[in-house]
């Protein structure tokens, strides 16, 4: 779609984008691609680091091994 078409059909283009379509924009007489209008995507919420902070405890042994009971806190 050329810049002129985009300007005259802007509302229609936004509706297309809203429904998940990408729209390419061409510029000049050579109609060189200069942009792509894409739908906005919400970023996934990142999980909080340290949820178990100070809730789980362990002691390091000389051999570095831990039993299943120690691991589970039983």
C-alpha atoms as a PDB file:
ATOM      1  CA  UNK A   1       0.000   0.000   0.000  1.00  0.00           C
ATOM      2  CA  UNK A   2       1.404   3.397  -0.945  1.00  0.00           C
ATOM      3  CA  UNK A   3       1.626   6.302   1.474  1.00  0.00           C
ATOM      4  CA  UNK A   4      -1.230   8.060  -0.358  1.00  0.00           C
ATOM      5  CA  UNK A   5      -3.475   5.006  -0.032  1.00  0.00           C
ATOM      6  CA  UNK A   6      -2.543   4.680   3.623  1.00  0.00           C
ATOM      7  CA  UNK A   7      -3.488   8.310   4.268  1.00  0.00           C
ATOM      8  CA  UNK A   8      -6.840   8.001   2.530  1.00  0.00           C
ATOM      9  CA  UNK A   9      -7.754   4.602   4.057  1.00  0.00           C
ATOM     10  CA  UNK A  10      -6.131   4.983   7.479  1.00  0.00           C
ATOM     11  CA  UNK A  11      -9.214   3.922   9.478  1.00  0.00           C
ATOM     12  CA  UNK A  12      -9.696   0.827   7.308  1.00  0.00           C
ATOM     13  CA  UNK A  13      -6.024  -0.063   7.670  1.00  0.00           C
ATOM     14  CA  UNK A  14      -6.266   0.197  11.455  1.00  0.00           C
ATOM     15  CA  UNK A  15      -9.230  -2.176  11.394  1.00  0.00           C
ATOM     16  CA  UNK A  16      -7.204  -4.693   9.373  1.00  0.00           C
ATOM     17  CA  UNK A  17      -4.309  -4.400  11.808  1.00  0.00           C
ATOM     18  CA  UNK A  18      -6.702  -4.747  14.723  1.00  0.00           C
ATOM     19  CA  UNK A  19      -7.790  -8.091  13.279  1.00  0.00           C
ATOM     20  CA  UNK A  20      -4.232  -9.386  13.153  1.00  0.00           C
ATOM     21  CA  UNK A  21      -3.098  -8.445   9.638  1.00  0.00           C
ATOM     22  CA  UNK A  22       0.219  -6.807   8.771  1.00  0.00           C
ATOM     23  CA  UNK A  23       0.157  -3.889   6.322  1.00  0.00           C
ATOM     24  CA  UNK A  24       3.212  -2.954   4.245  1.00  0.00           C
ATOM     25  CA  UNK A  25       3.828   0.682   3.312  1.00  0.00           C
ATOM     26  CA  UNK A  26       5.506   1.643   0.013  1.00  0.00           C
ATOM     27  CA  UNK A  27       7.150   5.008  -0.693  1.00  0.00           C
ATOM     28  CA  UNK A  28       7.959   7.050  -3.768  1.00  0.00           C
ATOM     29  CA  UNK A  29       7.676   6.390  -7.488  1.00  0.00           C
ATOM     30  CA  UNK A  30       9.833   3.297  -7.126  1.00  0.00           C
ATOM     31  CA  UNK A  31       7.422   2.103  -4.432  1.00  0.00           C
ATOM     32  CA  UNK A  32      10.176   0.995  -2.095  1.00  0.00           C
ATOM     33  CA  UNK A  33       9.001  -0.800   1.045  1.00  0.00           C
ATOM     34  CA  UNK A  34       9.649   1.466   4.041  1.00  0.00           C
ATOM     35  CA  UNK A  35       7.461   0.140   6.859  1.00  0.00           C
ATOM     36  CA  UNK A  36       5.190  -2.582   8.097  1.00  0.00           C
ATOM     37  CA  UNK A  37       2.307  -1.825  10.428  1.00  0.00           C
ATOM     38  CA  UNK A  38       1.742  -4.776  12.751  1.00  0.00           C
ATOM     39  CA  UNK A  39      -0.708  -5.483  15.555  1.00  0.00           C
ATOM     40  CA  UNK A  40       0.433  -4.512  19.039  1.00  0.00           C
ATOM     41  CA  UNK A  41       1.114  -7.493  21.284  1.00  0.00           C
ATOM     42  CA  UNK A  42       1.036  -7.259  25.051  1.00  0.00           C
ATOM     43  CA  UNK A  43       4.234  -8.442  26.675  1.00  0.00           C
ATOM     44  CA  UNK A  44       3.904 -11.568  28.736  1.00  0.00           C
ATOM     45  CA  UNK A  45       4.026 -10.830  32.407  1.00  0.00           C
ATOM     46  CA  UNK A  46       7.334 -11.940  33.775  1.00  0.00           C
ATOM     47  CA  UNK A  47       7.299 -14.042  36.855  1.00  0.00           C
ATOM     48  CA  UNK A  48       8.667 -12.635  40.023  1.00  0.00           C
ATOM     49  CA  UNK A  49      12.093 -13.885  41.015  1.00  0.00           C
ATOM     50  CA  UNK A  50      12.632 -14.939  44.586  1.00  0.00           C
ATOM     51  CA  UNK A  51       9.151 -16.190  45.452  1.00  0.00           C
ATOM     52  CA  UNK A  52      10.665 -18.789  47.777  1.00  0.00           C
ATOM     53  CA  UNK A  53      13.167 -16.398  49.297  1.00  0.00           C
ATOM     54  CA  UNK A  54      13.612 -17.296  52.975  1.00  0.00           C
ATOM     55  CA  UNK A  55      10.968 -20.033  52.749  1.00  0.00           C
ATOM     56  CA  UNK A  56      13.320 -22.845  51.817  1.00  0.00           C
ATOM     57  CA  UNK A  57      16.461 -23.582  53.781  1.00  0.00           C
ATOM     58  CA  UNK A  58      19.212 -26.144  53.461  1.00  0.00           C
ATOM     59  CA  UNK A  59      22.589 -26.801  54.925  1.00  0.00           C
ATOM     60  CA  UNK A  60      25.526 -27.753  52.800  1.00  0.00           C
ATOM     61  CA  UNK A  61      27.241 -31.015  53.773  1.00  0.00           C
ATOM     62  CA  UNK A  62      30.869 -31.941  53.276  1.00  0.00           C
ATOM     63  CA  UNK A  63      30.114 -34.299  50.398  1.00  0.00           C
ATOM     64  CA  UNK A  64      27.645 -31.891  48.809  1.00  0.00           C
ATOM     65  CA  UNK A  65      24.825 -34.449  48.784  1.00  0.00           C
ATOM     66  CA  UNK A  66      21.307 -33.905  50.045  1.00  0.00           C
ATOM     67  CA  UNK A  67      18.626 -36.482  50.833  1.00  0.00           C
ATOM     68  CA  UNK A  68      15.168 -36.346  49.280  1.00  0.00           C
ATOM     69  CA  UNK A  69      13.686 -35.573  52.713  1.00  0.00           C
ATOM     70  CA  UNK A  70      16.054 -32.652  53.189  1.00  0.00           C
ATOM     71  CA  UNK A  71      15.253 -31.415  49.690  1.00  0.00           C
ATOM     72  CA  UNK A  72      11.507 -31.572  50.312  1.00  0.00           C
ATOM     73  CA  UNK A  73      11.844 -30.084  53.804  1.00  0.00           C
ATOM     74  CA  UNK A  74      10.162 -33.081  55.440  1.00  0.00           C
END
